[in-house]
């Protein structure tokens, strides 16, 4: 019996920034019958900058969301997977044997010596880059179904 909804798994290092953004964009823009979930290599705390820049894009994230790990999912439930950090790429290759997947090279968002506005600008660049990647993935999914 075929699943009713196909799932895309987005993964990054902490499941707090990049994979959360990708999941948010995908779930807003996803074609019918698709949804996204996300995880990290390790569990990270919710990131306020992520919530702020996604809100600027009209996407409200759950402030109470808990970071998930690869072990929280079964690879057999995932139809496609995307890594957004080198750590996640390594884990994904081991975890998702035989699963269709790809890696997006997306910059690291952290810098401790920058002021709030500079950090927000970095997050906006990451957000916009991820949004473009998600649009391409959705186009690919739509063209293949």
Protein backbone atom coordinates (compact mmCIF):
# COMPACT_ATOMS: atom_id res chain seq x y z
CA UNK A 1 0.00 0.00 0.00
CA UNK A 2 1.40 3.38 -1.01
CA UNK A 3 1.76 6.21 1.53
CA UNK A 4 -0.68 9.07 1.16
CA UNK A 5 1.95 11.76 1.71
CA UNK A 6 5.51 11.74 0.44
CA UNK A 7 8.14 13.15 2.79
CA UNK A 8 11.26 15.19 2.23
CA UNK A 9 13.78 15.21 5.07
CA UNK A 10 15.96 18.29 5.47
CA UNK A 11 18.96 17.89 7.76
CA UNK A 12 21.68 20.14 9.12
CA UNK A 13 23.98 20.16 12.11
CA UNK A 14 21.63 21.33 14.89
CA UNK A 15 18.13 21.28 13.36
CA UNK A 16 17.80 24.85 14.51
CA UNK A 17 18.48 27.07 11.49
CA UNK A 18 19.02 25.80 7.94
CA UNK A 19 16.94 22.62 8.02
CA UNK A 20 14.18 24.44 9.91
CA UNK A 21 14.09 27.15 7.24
CA UNK A 22 13.98 24.56 4.44
CA UNK A 23 11.20 22.65 6.17
CA UNK A 24 9.20 25.85 6.63
CA UNK A 25 9.55 26.95 3.01
CA UNK A 26 8.82 23.50 1.62
CA UNK A 27 5.67 23.02 3.68
CA UNK A 28 4.29 26.38 2.54
CA UNK A 29 5.13 25.82 -1.13
CA UNK A 30 4.91 22.00 -1.42
CA UNK A 31 2.99 20.33 -4.21
CA UNK A 32 -0.05 18.33 -3.19
CA UNK A 33 0.87 15.07 -1.54
CA UNK A 34 4.25 16.22 -0.21
CA UNK A 35 5.41 17.46 3.18
CA UNK A 36 8.75 18.19 4.83
CA UNK A 37 10.30 17.17 8.12
CA UNK A 38 13.71 18.07 9.46
CA UNK A 39 16.42 16.84 11.78
CA UNK A 40 19.96 17.47 12.90
CA UNK A 41 23.08 15.55 13.74
CA UNK A 42 22.76 16.86 17.29
CA UNK A 43 19.84 18.62 18.96
CA UNK A 44 20.10 22.38 18.99
CA UNK A 45 18.12 24.98 20.89
CA UNK A 46 15.54 27.06 19.01
CA UNK A 47 17.20 30.00 17.28
CA UNK A 48 15.56 33.43 17.60
CA UNK A 49 17.18 34.82 14.45
CA UNK A 50 15.68 31.93 12.45
CA UNK A 51 12.19 32.70 13.75
CA UNK A 52 12.64 36.42 13.04
CA UNK A 53 13.82 36.13 9.43
CA UNK A 54 11.25 33.47 8.57
CA UNK A 55 8.51 35.70 10.03
CA UNK A 56 9.77 38.46 7.69
CA UNK A 57 9.03 36.03 4.82
CA UNK A 58 5.52 35.40 6.09
CA UNK A 59 6.28 31.99 7.60
CA UNK A 60 5.58 31.56 11.29
CA UNK A 61 7.51 28.75 12.93
CA UNK A 62 6.44 26.98 16.12
CA UNK A 63 8.34 28.64 18.96
CA UNK A 64 7.98 25.45 21.01
CA UNK A 65 9.37 23.11 18.35
CA UNK A 66 11.81 20.51 19.57
CA UNK A 67 14.93 19.70 17.60
CA UNK A 68 14.84 16.23 16.05
CA UNK A 69 17.63 13.80 15.23
CA UNK A 70 18.11 11.27 12.44
CA UNK A 71 17.14 8.53 14.91
CA UNK A 72 13.69 10.12 15.27
CA UNK A 73 12.88 8.98 11.72
CA UNK A 74 12.94 5.75 9.74
CA UNK A 75 14.62 6.11 6.37
CA UNK A 76 11.93 3.88 4.87
CA UNK A 77 9.37 6.63 5.62
CA UNK A 78 11.36 9.28 3.71
CA UNK A 79 11.07 9.70 -0.07
CA UNK A 80 13.82 12.25 -0.60
CA UNK A 81 16.48 13.77 1.65
CA UNK A 82 18.57 16.93 1.57
CA UNK A 83 21.56 17.78 3.75
CA UNK A 84 22.46 21.41 4.41
CA UNK A 85 25.74 20.98 6.31
CA UNK A 86 28.80 18.79 5.92
CA UNK A 87 28.04 17.02 9.20
CA UNK A 88 24.51 16.24 8.04
CA UNK A 89 25.78 15.11 4.64
CA UNK A 90 28.05 12.55 6.30
CA UNK A 91 25.26 11.26 8.57
CA UNK A 92 22.74 11.21 5.75
CA UNK A 93 24.96 9.08 3.54
CA UNK A 94 25.20 6.48 6.32
CA UNK A 95 21.58 6.72 7.51
CA UNK A 96 19.83 6.84 4.13
CA UNK A 97 21.44 4.03 2.18
CA UNK A 98 19.59 3.72 -1.12
CA UNK A 99 17.46 6.82 -0.52
CA UNK A 100 17.43 9.55 -3.17
CA UNK A 101 19.24 12.52 -1.66
CA UNK A 102 21.30 15.60 -2.41
CA UNK A 103 23.49 18.11 -0.60
CA UNK A 104 23.06 21.87 -0.63
CA UNK A 105 26.14 23.89 0.25
CA UNK A 106 24.74 26.62 2.50
CA UNK A 107 26.95 28.91 4.56
CA UNK A 108 27.34 28.60 8.32
CA UNK A 109 25.26 31.24 10.11
CA UNK A 110 27.38 31.70 13.22
CA UNK A 111 29.69 34.57 14.08
CA UNK A 112 30.06 35.66 17.67
CA UNK A 113 31.66 39.04 17.01
CA UNK A 114 28.91 40.60 14.91
CA UNK A 115 26.16 42.91 16.11
CA UNK A 116 22.49 41.95 15.90
CA UNK A 117 21.78 43.66 12.57
CA UNK A 118 24.80 42.09 10.87
CA UNK A 119 23.75 38.67 12.17
CA UNK A 120 20.19 39.22 10.92
CA UNK A 121 21.54 40.16 7.49
CA UNK A 122 23.54 36.92 7.38
CA UNK A 123 20.44 34.94 8.32
CA UNK A 124 18.44 36.73 5.61
CA UNK A 125 21.01 35.73 3.00
CA UNK A 126 20.86 32.11 4.19
CA UNK A 127 17.05 32.22 4.22
CA UNK A 128 16.89 33.57 0.68
CA UNK A 129 19.43 31.02 -0.58
CA UNK A 130 17.46 28.16 0.99
CA UNK A 131 14.22 29.50 -0.47
CA UNK A 132 15.74 29.34 -3.97
CA UNK A 133 16.96 25.78 -3.38
CA UNK A 134 13.50 24.76 -2.16
CA UNK A 135 11.90 26.31 -5.25
CA UNK A 136 14.22 24.27 -7.48
CA UNK A 137 13.47 21.09 -5.54
CA UNK A 138 9.74 21.67 -5.80
CA UNK A 139 10.08 22.29 -9.54
CA UNK A 140 12.03 19.03 -9.85
CA UNK A 141 9.38 17.12 -7.87
CA UNK A 142 6.54 18.66 -9.85
CA UNK A 143 8.18 17.84 -13.18
CA UNK A 144 8.81 14.22 -12.16
CA UNK A 145 5.27 13.42 -11.02
